[in-house]
Every structure is written in C-alpha cells, then in structure tokens.
Amino acid sequence: MLPAGTKVPDHVVLIPDGDRRWARAQGLSASEGHRAGIENMIVLARTCRDWGIHTVSAWGLSTENWLDRPKDEVNFLMKGVVAAMDKYVVDMMEEGVRFVHLGKKDRLPEFVLNKISQVEEQTRKNNKHIFNVGLDYNGPDEIMRAFKKMLADNVQAEEVDRKKVEAYLDTSDQPYPYVDLFIRTSGEQRTSGFMMWQCDYAEFYWEVDHFPAFGPAKLKEAVLDYSRRRRRFGGNDAMEHFAFDPKVMARLELGWRRELAEGDNNKLLSDMAMEYIKEQYGLSKELAKTAGMSMAKALRHGKQEEWESAKEALKGLYEVVKKNVGLALEPEIVASIEVGSWRDQPNEEDMRHLLAEKFRFSNFQAAKSARLAYLAAVERGRKDWQKAQWYTEKYYEALKDRVA
C-alpha cells in the first residue's frame, strides 16, 4: 500500500528494459527473460490500478526492435503478447480496463493484428483504466501518421493547433494522454522517442535493476519519488521560498546539538529548539514555542534511547510544520525516518531519503544537501565543531537553493 497523502500520477509509462540481461544473469534463455518480463508487466499494471493510477503505457516492441532483433526472438515475444491478451482479457473486462495499441498496424503478423483488433473492440467501452501497449511503435512515426491523417482529412493550416494534433495521435480519445511518470529500467537513461509528444512534461525515473526484478516494492519507490516532486509546468513554484539565513541556521543547529551532547539544561535546549524552528520555517513565536517544545522533548527521548516516545514528540513538531508552512510532508513518516537515523548510524543514502520526505523533492534532487549534511554529521562525531559549522552552513545554502 502507498502511504496516506501520496500524490498518485494519472499516467505512468513503463519501459521494460533488461529482460535478456536478467535472463543471462539467471542462466536462462532470452525467451524466458521475455516471459518473465511479460508476467511482471501484468503484475505492475494491476498494482497501478490498485493504487488508483488510471493509465499505464508499456513499450512492448519498438520499430527498431522489430527490424533488428532475431526473428525467433521477435516471434516468441509476439506470441507472448498475444497469449497475455488471451489470458487477461477477462480480467480487463471485469476491472474496466480498455486495451489500446500504439504504433503501426500495417506490418505486424496477421495473428497479432487480429488479436489486437479483437481485444481493442472487446474493451472499447471500458473507461475505468487504460492499458496502452506499444507494438511496432516509433515516436516520430506516430506524429507523422497524425499529420498524414490530417492531410487526408483536408485539415487547413490555420486549423492546426495542439488540440487538433492530439485528436490524430494514437492516444486521441483518452482522458489522460499526457505522461506524468516515465519509468525506465536496467540503467538506461533515455526516452528513445516513446510517446514523445505526450511526454513534454513527464517526470523521469531511472531504475538500475532489470525489468523482471522491478516489482511492486520498487514501483512504490518510484511513485513515492514522483509524489515528492513539485511540478511547476514552466510557471512559478506555489511554495513560498525559505527566508532563513544559512549562517544563522548553522549557528543555531550547532548550538542545540552541542547542548544536547555536552549540557543538561532542559530549558536552554527548549529555547534553542524554539529559536531554530522559528528561523527555519518562519513560524510565529507561539507556534515556534509549541513546535520547539516538541522537538526538544524528542531530542531528550532520543538521547535516552526512548525511540517510540521520541517519534511521537517529533511527529508533533511536523504536524505544526505541515499545517502552517505548506510542506506536503507526512508527519508520521518523516518522524519515523528521522528517529531511525538517530537510532542507527546514518549514512548518506538515509540522509537523502529523510530530506526528500521532509522537504518534498526527489531523491536525486536531495543528493547535494544530503552529502553536506552527512559530512557535517561526520565532523560532529569527531567533535570538530568548526568544520561541522562550515559543512552545516553549506548544507543550508544547498537546501534553501533547492527548496526555493
């Protein structure tokens, strides 16, 4: 399941790279790799539907695949796709899934074209979900075919606009033709032109694992990463910029960290936490007092290794932040991750995950800030407060630049 509050995309593209590489690593044939890939695609499509994702688009066979791959491999893949359509068409009818073929229809084998035509017609009136499959598909070809159809319909130059072109694409009558999240596996980092018109504002997610190993748990990571991104669509960010001074933030953070490590004045720690929260989030004095007390209480519980109590207290801090600052974080999730980093020696990846969840940007976007935060933590561990101050200041500069 996805955490409450997850921003789910309407349209997800899955580019299933790595079936053959996965098979070779397992000591299997290329055909067995394709079989595993097709089965995994069905699992992922169902998972997307369970999460409320309306449209899933999968690239089954590009025009280049069609021309360059060995014939026996292509034939096996074609038969596998037809067998999957045969096997799951009943499920598509029960779950309201419309099957749509993307690509050319003049070169595929007759048995494939017949099955595509049959399943497209059988599911045409389904409107709960859409499953697009690219077979003999090429991005520029889709656009060229659209313009040829417009010419055949005597569309005049002055009539051509974005909506007119959309009406002639393979996704012409779909409610969510534009891609929100584009996932490609096996370490490949290119679109290869798949749905190039529909991907103008897609968010990209690159996965190192081969497609048969990209299961629902990894799909969840991709969707959560998408959920944290702030999509501007060329406009201004709706979130207000952080107004804090990085030098002041670094001084305040090192102050309460030193007091926590070396002192025992609870009131001083609470006052320091309040000032720190007030500066970071721009809260009023009263809200900063409430949030600061929660933070100080969490820190004290953490020092005593009372992890559940620390998490509950920290959750209170982030509830105040969520309500009054506008960050779309989930207090319980952020509190759990942060307390986990207190309990275990945090590494750079853990820090990246925490920052991504707390400040709502992707893991990739969190990399620089996470690196600096980690280096600051290393210097604090060495009690080199001067170096820790420098890294902490640079961390807040990177964070402010990213969030703003």
Protein backbone atom coordinates (compact mmCIF):
# COMPACT_ATOMS: atom_id res chain seq x y z
CA MET A 1 0.00 0.00 0.00
CA LEU A 2 1.02 3.61 -0.51
CA PRO A 3 1.24 5.95 2.50
CA ALA A 4 -1.70 8.27 3.10
CA GLY A 5 -1.35 11.53 1.20
CA THR A 6 0.70 10.08 -1.67
CA LYS A 7 0.22 12.14 -4.85
CA VAL A 8 -0.51 9.42 -7.40
CA PRO A 9 0.19 10.02 -11.11
CA ASP A 10 -2.65 9.66 -13.60
CA HIS A 11 -0.45 8.20 -16.34
CA VAL A 12 2.63 6.01 -15.89
CA VAL A 13 4.93 4.76 -18.66
CA LEU A 14 6.91 1.57 -18.11
CA ILE A 15 9.85 0.89 -20.44
CA PRO A 16 10.74 -2.75 -19.68
CA ASP A 17 14.45 -2.85 -20.42
CA GLY A 18 16.69 -5.72 -19.38
CA ASP A 19 14.65 -8.90 -19.93
CA ARG A 20 17.52 -10.55 -21.80
CA ARG A 21 20.21 -9.27 -19.44
CA TRP A 22 18.21 -10.52 -16.48
CA ALA A 23 17.84 -13.92 -18.16
CA ARG A 24 21.56 -14.21 -18.89
CA ALA A 25 22.37 -13.40 -15.25
CA GLN A 26 19.99 -16.20 -14.19
CA GLY A 27 21.41 -18.67 -16.71
CA LEU A 28 18.17 -18.58 -18.72
CA SER A 29 17.34 -18.04 -22.38
CA ALA A 30 16.25 -14.72 -23.85
CA SER A 31 12.75 -16.15 -24.35
CA GLU A 32 12.49 -16.99 -20.65
CA GLY A 33 13.54 -13.42 -19.87
CA HIS A 34 10.77 -12.04 -22.09
CA ARG A 35 8.26 -14.39 -20.44
CA ALA A 36 9.30 -13.11 -17.00
CA GLY A 37 9.04 -9.54 -18.27
CA ILE A 38 5.51 -10.01 -19.62
CA GLU A 39 4.35 -11.61 -16.36
CA ASN A 40 5.91 -8.78 -14.36
CA MET A 41 4.22 -6.19 -16.56
CA ILE A 42 0.82 -7.71 -15.74
CA VAL A 43 1.64 -7.58 -12.01
CA LEU A 44 2.74 -3.94 -12.21
CA ALA A 45 -0.29 -2.89 -14.27
CA ARG A 46 -2.58 -4.45 -11.65
CA THR A 47 -0.63 -2.75 -8.87
CA CYS A 48 -1.05 0.60 -10.61
CA ARG A 49 -4.79 0.05 -10.84
CA ASP A 50 -4.94 -0.85 -7.14
CA TRP A 51 -3.26 2.47 -6.33
CA GLY A 52 -5.68 4.49 -8.44
CA ILE A 53 -3.39 5.12 -11.43
CA HIS A 54 -5.69 5.47 -14.43
CA THR A 55 -3.40 4.90 -17.44
CA VAL A 56 -0.40 2.61 -17.85
CA SER A 57 1.60 2.63 -21.08
CA ALA A 58 4.12 -0.10 -21.87
CA TRP A 59 6.54 -0.38 -24.74
CA GLY A 60 6.35 -3.95 -25.93
CA LEU A 61 8.23 -3.71 -29.23
CA SER A 62 9.73 -0.68 -30.94
CA THR A 63 10.11 -0.30 -34.68
CA GLU A 64 13.87 -0.71 -34.16
CA ASN A 65 13.30 -3.95 -32.21
CA TRP A 66 11.10 -5.18 -34.99
CA LEU A 67 13.77 -4.59 -37.60
CA ASP A 68 16.93 -5.56 -35.70
CA ARG A 69 16.10 -8.41 -33.32
CA PRO A 70 16.44 -12.09 -34.36
CA LYS A 71 13.23 -13.39 -35.93
CA ASP A 72 12.76 -16.27 -33.49
CA GLU A 73 13.05 -13.90 -30.53
CA VAL A 74 10.57 -11.42 -32.03
CA ASN A 75 8.14 -14.23 -32.84
CA PHE A 76 8.35 -15.52 -29.28
CA LEU A 77 7.68 -12.04 -27.94
CA MET A 78 4.72 -11.58 -30.29
CA LYS A 79 3.24 -14.91 -29.25
CA GLY A 80 3.78 -14.00 -25.61
CA VAL A 81 1.91 -10.71 -26.03
CA VAL A 82 -0.98 -12.46 -27.80
CA ALA A 83 -1.10 -15.15 -25.10
CA ALA A 84 -1.21 -12.46 -22.42
CA MET A 85 -4.09 -10.70 -24.19
CA ASP A 86 -5.94 -14.01 -24.40
CA LYS A 87 -5.28 -14.80 -20.76
CA TYR A 88 -6.12 -11.42 -19.22
CA VAL A 89 -8.91 -10.03 -21.41
CA VAL A 90 -11.47 -11.39 -18.93
CA ASP A 91 -9.70 -9.53 -16.12
CA MET A 92 -9.66 -6.35 -18.21
CA MET A 93 -13.41 -6.63 -18.71
CA GLU A 94 -14.04 -7.23 -15.01
CA GLU A 95 -11.81 -4.33 -13.94
CA GLY A 96 -12.96 -1.86 -16.60
CA VAL A 97 -9.62 -1.71 -18.45
CA ARG A 98 -9.50 -0.52 -22.03
CA PHE A 99 -6.69 -2.01 -24.14
CA VAL A 100 -5.16 0.33 -26.74
CA HIS A 101 -2.48 -0.47 -29.31
CA LEU A 102 0.09 2.26 -30.00
CA GLY A 103 2.02 2.03 -33.26
CA LYS A 104 1.77 0.95 -36.88
CA LYS A 105 -0.81 -1.62 -37.90
CA ASP A 106 0.42 -2.50 -41.38
CA ARG A 107 3.47 -4.70 -40.68
CA LEU A 108 2.62 -6.85 -37.66
CA PRO A 109 1.82 -10.54 -38.28
CA GLU A 110 -1.82 -11.21 -39.07
CA PHE A 111 -2.41 -13.29 -35.94
CA VAL A 112 -1.17 -10.36 -33.80
CA LEU A 113 -3.26 -7.78 -35.66
CA ASN A 114 -6.36 -9.96 -35.35
CA LYS A 115 -5.89 -10.35 -31.59
CA ILE A 116 -5.22 -6.62 -31.14
CA SER A 117 -8.34 -5.76 -33.10
CA GLN A 118 -10.41 -8.25 -31.11
CA VAL A 119 -9.25 -7.06 -27.67
CA GLU A 120 -9.45 -3.37 -28.60
CA GLU A 121 -13.03 -3.83 -29.76
CA GLN A 122 -13.98 -6.00 -26.77
CA THR A 123 -12.65 -3.45 -24.24
CA ARG A 124 -13.53 -0.26 -26.16
CA LYS A 125 -16.31 0.83 -23.81
CA ASN A 126 -14.30 0.25 -20.62
CA ASN A 127 -13.45 3.58 -19.01
CA LYS A 128 -12.11 2.89 -15.53
CA HIS A 129 -8.50 2.33 -16.66
CA ILE A 130 -6.43 2.32 -19.86
CA PHE A 131 -3.57 -0.02 -20.75
CA ASN A 132 -1.59 1.21 -23.78
CA VAL A 133 0.86 -1.18 -25.41
CA GLY A 134 3.38 -0.03 -28.00
CA LEU A 135 3.97 -2.66 -30.70
CA ASP A 136 5.97 -1.68 -33.81
CA TYR A 137 5.96 1.80 -32.28
CA ASN A 138 8.18 4.77 -33.09
CA GLY A 139 7.65 8.28 -31.66
CA PRO A 140 8.32 10.34 -34.78
CA ASP A 141 6.26 7.83 -36.78
CA GLU A 142 3.23 8.44 -34.54
CA ILE A 143 3.46 12.19 -35.19
CA MET A 144 4.00 11.72 -38.94
CA ARG A 145 0.99 9.38 -39.11
CA ALA A 146 -1.08 12.02 -37.31
CA PHE A 147 -0.14 14.70 -39.85
CA LYS A 148 -0.79 12.37 -42.79
CA LYS A 149 -4.28 11.69 -41.41
CA MET A 150 -4.87 15.44 -41.03
CA LEU A 151 -3.84 15.99 -44.65
CA ALA A 152 -6.15 13.19 -45.74
CA ASP A 153 -8.98 14.91 -43.84
CA ASN A 154 -8.19 18.23 -45.57
CA VAL A 155 -7.34 19.96 -42.28
CA GLN A 156 -6.31 23.52 -43.13
CA ALA A 157 -3.10 25.11 -41.82
CA GLU A 158 -4.98 27.67 -39.73
CA GLU A 159 -6.85 24.83 -38.01
CA VAL A 160 -3.69 23.13 -36.75
CA ASP A 161 -3.10 23.66 -33.05
CA ARG A 162 -2.18 21.44 -30.14
CA LYS A 163 -5.69 20.07 -29.64
CA LYS A 164 -6.06 19.31 -33.32
CA VAL A 165 -2.83 17.30 -33.38
CA GLU A 166 -3.84 15.46 -30.18
CA ALA A 167 -7.04 14.36 -31.93
CA TYR A 168 -5.00 12.42 -34.51
CA LEU A 169 -2.49 10.73 -32.19
CA ASP A 170 -2.76 7.11 -31.04
CA THR A 171 -3.99 8.41 -27.64
CA SER A 172 -6.60 10.67 -29.24
CA ASP A 173 -9.66 9.95 -27.09
CA GLN A 174 -8.01 9.21 -23.76
CA PRO A 175 -8.70 11.27 -20.61
CA TYR A 176 -5.02 11.30 -19.54
CA PRO A 177 -2.91 11.17 -22.73
CA TYR A 178 -0.05 13.14 -21.17
CA VAL A 179 2.52 11.16 -19.19
CA ASP A 180 3.11 12.06 -15.55
CA LEU A 181 5.74 9.48 -14.60
CA PHE A 182 8.11 7.81 -17.09
CA ILE A 183 9.99 4.80 -15.67
CA ARG A 184 12.83 3.06 -17.48
CA THR A 185 14.67 0.07 -16.04
CA SER A 186 18.05 -1.64 -16.48
CA GLY A 187 20.12 1.52 -16.02
CA GLU A 188 19.06 3.03 -19.36
CA GLN A 189 18.53 6.80 -19.28
CA ARG A 190 16.82 7.83 -22.49
CA THR A 191 13.28 8.04 -23.82
CA SER A 192 14.04 6.52 -27.25
CA GLY A 193 11.16 8.63 -28.52
CA PHE A 194 8.40 6.69 -26.76
CA MET A 195 5.27 8.87 -26.63
CA MET A 196 7.49 11.88 -27.34
CA TRP A 197 4.55 14.23 -27.89
CA GLN A 198 2.78 13.07 -24.73
CA CYS A 199 5.95 13.28 -22.59
CA ASP A 200 6.52 17.04 -22.79
CA TYR A 201 6.19 17.47 -19.00
CA ALA A 202 6.81 13.91 -17.83
CA GLU A 203 8.81 13.26 -14.67
CA PHE A 204 11.57 10.70 -15.34
CA TYR A 205 12.69 7.90 -13.05
CA TRP A 206 15.67 5.71 -13.93
CA GLU A 207 15.99 2.27 -12.30
CA VAL A 208 19.22 0.26 -12.32
CA ASP A 209 17.59 -3.17 -11.91
CA HIS A 210 16.45 -5.17 -14.94
CA PHE A 211 12.72 -5.16 -15.60
CA PRO A 212 11.83 -8.66 -14.30
CA ALA A 213 13.37 -7.60 -10.94
CA PHE A 214 11.40 -4.33 -10.86
CA GLY A 215 8.48 -5.48 -8.72
CA PRO A 216 5.73 -3.62 -6.84
CA ALA A 217 8.07 -2.61 -3.99
CA LYS A 218 10.36 -0.82 -6.45
CA LEU A 219 7.39 0.65 -8.27
CA LYS A 220 6.28 2.04 -4.91
CA GLU A 221 9.67 3.77 -4.52
CA ALA A 222 9.23 5.35 -7.96
CA VAL A 223 5.71 6.59 -7.21
CA LEU A 224 6.77 7.99 -3.83
CA ASP A 225 9.70 9.75 -5.50
CA TYR A 226 7.26 11.24 -8.03
CA SER A 227 4.90 12.25 -5.21
CA ARG A 228 7.63 14.35 -3.59
CA ARG A 229 8.36 16.39 -6.72
CA ARG A 230 6.98 19.87 -7.16
CA ARG A 231 5.74 20.18 -10.74
CA ARG A 232 5.85 23.77 -11.98
CA PHE A 233 4.91 23.22 -15.67
CA GLY A 234 7.09 26.20 -16.60
CA GLY A 235 5.46 28.51 -14.04
CA ASN A 236 6.42 29.72 -10.59
CA ASP A 237 6.52 27.42 -7.61
CA ALA A 238 3.43 27.72 -5.42
CA MET A 239 5.56 27.14 -2.32
CA GLU A 240 6.94 30.20 -0.57
CA HIS A 241 10.70 30.49 -0.53
CA PHE A 242 12.55 29.73 2.69
CA ALA A 243 13.68 33.07 4.11
CA PHE A 244 16.25 31.78 6.59
CA ASP A 245 19.89 32.88 6.66
CA PRO A 246 22.13 29.78 6.19
CA LYS A 247 24.79 31.19 8.54
CA VAL A 248 22.21 31.78 11.25
CA MET A 249 20.70 28.33 10.74
CA ALA A 250 24.12 26.69 11.02
CA ARG A 251 24.88 28.58 14.24
CA LEU A 252 21.50 27.67 15.75
CA GLU A 253 21.76 23.99 14.81
CA LEU A 254 25.28 23.60 16.16
CA GLY A 255 24.13 25.36 19.33
CA TRP A 256 21.39 22.88 20.21
CA ARG A 257 23.48 19.92 19.08
CA ARG A 258 26.32 20.91 21.42
CA GLU A 259 23.92 21.50 24.28
CA LEU A 260 22.35 18.09 23.68
CA ALA A 261 25.75 16.38 23.57
CA GLU A 262 27.54 18.24 26.35
CA GLY A 263 24.97 20.02 28.53
CA ASP A 264 21.99 19.11 30.72
CA ASN A 265 19.92 22.31 30.81
CA ASN A 266 16.47 21.27 29.54
CA LYS A 267 15.11 24.82 29.44
CA LEU A 268 18.10 26.04 27.43
CA LEU A 269 17.65 23.17 24.97
CA SER A 270 13.95 24.03 24.58
CA ASP A 271 14.73 27.72 23.99
CA MET A 272 17.37 26.80 21.41
CA ALA A 273 14.98 24.43 19.61
CA MET A 274 12.28 27.11 19.54
CA GLU A 275 14.64 29.70 18.03
CA TYR A 276 15.89 27.14 15.50
CA ILE A 277 12.37 26.19 14.37
CA LYS A 278 11.26 29.82 14.22
CA GLU A 279 14.19 30.76 11.96
CA GLN A 280 13.92 27.72 9.68
CA TYR A 281 10.19 27.73 9.00
CA GLY A 282 9.31 31.38 9.64
CA LEU A 283 6.74 30.46 12.30
CA SER A 284 5.19 32.89 14.76
CA LYS A 285 6.60 32.97 18.28
CA GLU A 286 3.69 30.97 19.69
CA LEU A 287 3.81 28.28 17.01
CA ALA A 288 7.59 28.10 17.28
CA LYS A 289 7.24 27.60 21.02
CA THR A 290 4.84 24.68 20.55
CA ALA A 291 6.95 23.10 17.81
CA GLY A 292 10.22 23.77 19.65
CA MET A 293 8.98 22.06 22.80
CA SER A 294 8.04 19.00 20.75
CA MET A 295 11.46 19.00 19.13
CA ALA A 296 13.32 19.37 22.46
CA LYS A 297 11.23 16.60 24.00
CA ALA A 298 12.02 14.33 21.03
CA LEU A 299 15.74 15.07 21.34
CA ARG A 300 15.74 14.26 25.06
CA HIS A 301 13.86 10.99 24.47
CA GLY A 302 16.31 10.15 21.70
CA LYS A 303 19.27 10.75 23.96
CA GLN A 304 17.74 8.27 26.43
CA GLU A 305 17.06 5.84 23.55
CA GLU A 306 13.29 6.04 24.17
CA TRP A 307 12.61 5.75 20.46
CA GLU A 308 8.81 5.47 20.41
CA SER A 309 8.43 8.48 22.70
CA ALA A 310 10.91 10.40 20.54
CA LYS A 311 8.92 9.58 17.41
CA GLU A 312 5.63 10.72 18.93
CA ALA A 313 7.16 14.00 20.09
CA LEU A 314 8.79 14.62 16.71
CA LYS A 315 5.52 13.85 14.96
CA GLY A 316 4.01 16.76 16.92
CA LEU A 317 6.68 19.09 15.53
CA TYR A 318 5.96 18.09 11.93
CA GLU A 319 2.21 18.35 12.39
CA VAL A 320 2.71 22.03 13.25
CA VAL A 321 5.01 22.46 10.22
CA LYS A 322 2.59 20.74 7.83
CA LYS A 323 -0.38 22.78 8.99
CA ASN A 324 1.32 26.17 8.98
CA VAL A 325 4.14 26.08 6.41
CA GLY A 326 2.56 24.26 3.48
CA LEU A 327 5.09 21.47 3.07
CA ALA A 328 3.16 18.39 1.90
CA LEU A 329 5.04 16.06 4.22
CA GLU A 330 3.53 13.21 6.24
CA PRO A 331 4.44 13.83 9.91
CA GLU A 332 4.46 10.19 10.99
CA ILE A 333 6.61 9.07 8.06
CA VAL A 334 9.15 11.88 8.50
CA ALA A 335 9.30 11.35 12.27
CA SER A 336 9.88 7.60 11.81
CA ILE A 337 12.70 8.13 9.32
CA GLU A 338 14.38 10.83 11.42
CA VAL A 339 14.24 8.87 14.67
CA GLY A 340 15.56 5.86 12.76
CA SER A 341 18.57 7.97 11.74
CA TRP A 342 19.14 8.83 15.42
CA ARG A 343 18.95 5.19 16.44
CA ASP A 344 21.30 3.86 13.77
CA GLN A 345 24.46 5.47 12.49
CA PRO A 346 23.06 7.39 9.48
CA ASN A 347 24.65 7.05 6.07
CA GLU A 348 24.38 9.36 3.10
CA GLU A 349 21.53 7.40 1.49
CA ASP A 350 19.48 7.54 4.70
CA MET A 351 20.04 11.29 4.84
CA ARG A 352 18.88 11.65 1.24
CA HIS A 353 15.71 9.72 1.98
CA LEU A 354 14.97 11.87 5.06
CA LEU A 355 15.49 15.17 3.23
CA ALA A 356 13.38 14.03 0.27
CA GLU A 357 10.48 13.16 2.57
CA LYS A 358 10.83 16.25 4.77
CA PHE A 359 11.21 18.90 2.06
CA ARG A 360 9.27 17.19 -0.77
CA PHE A 361 11.77 16.81 -3.56
CA SER A 362 13.13 13.74 -5.31
CA ASN A 363 15.97 11.55 -4.05
CA PHE A 364 18.06 12.81 -6.97
CA GLN A 365 17.37 16.44 -6.04
CA ALA A 366 18.27 15.73 -2.40
CA ALA A 367 21.75 14.43 -3.23
CA LYS A 368 23.79 17.60 -2.72
CA SER A 369 22.08 18.60 0.53
CA ALA A 370 22.34 15.04 1.84
CA ARG A 371 26.06 14.88 1.10
CA LEU A 372 26.73 18.09 3.01
CA ALA A 373 24.51 17.06 5.93
CA TYR A 374 26.35 13.74 6.14
CA LEU A 375 29.76 15.43 6.14
CA ALA A 376 28.57 17.79 8.88
CA ALA A 377 27.47 14.76 10.94
CA VAL A 378 30.91 13.15 10.49
CA GLU A 379 32.65 16.27 11.82
CA ARG A 380 30.24 16.50 14.76
CA GLY A 381 31.14 12.92 15.61
CA ARG A 382 34.80 13.96 15.66
CA LYS A 383 33.94 16.99 17.86
CA ASP A 384 35.41 19.26 15.20
CA TRP A 385 32.78 21.94 15.62
CA GLN A 386 34.50 24.43 13.31
CA LYS A 387 34.39 22.07 10.32
CA ALA A 388 30.88 20.97 11.31
CA GLN A 389 29.80 24.63 11.28
CA TRP A 390 31.19 25.10 7.76
CA TYR A 391 29.51 21.98 6.34
CA THR A 392 26.24 22.82 8.10
CA GLU A 393 26.24 26.30 6.61
CA LYS A 394 26.84 24.88 3.13
CA TYR A 395 24.05 22.36 3.75
CA TYR A 396 21.54 25.13 4.47
CA GLU A 397 22.69 27.06 1.40
CA ALA A 398 22.08 23.97 -0.77
CA LEU A 399 18.75 23.26 0.92
CA LYS A 400 17.50 26.81 0.50
CA ASP A 401 18.57 26.83 -3.14
CA ARG A 402 16.77 23.52 -3.80
CA VAL A 403 13.51 24.23 -1.97
CA ALA A 404 13.31 27.83 -3.14
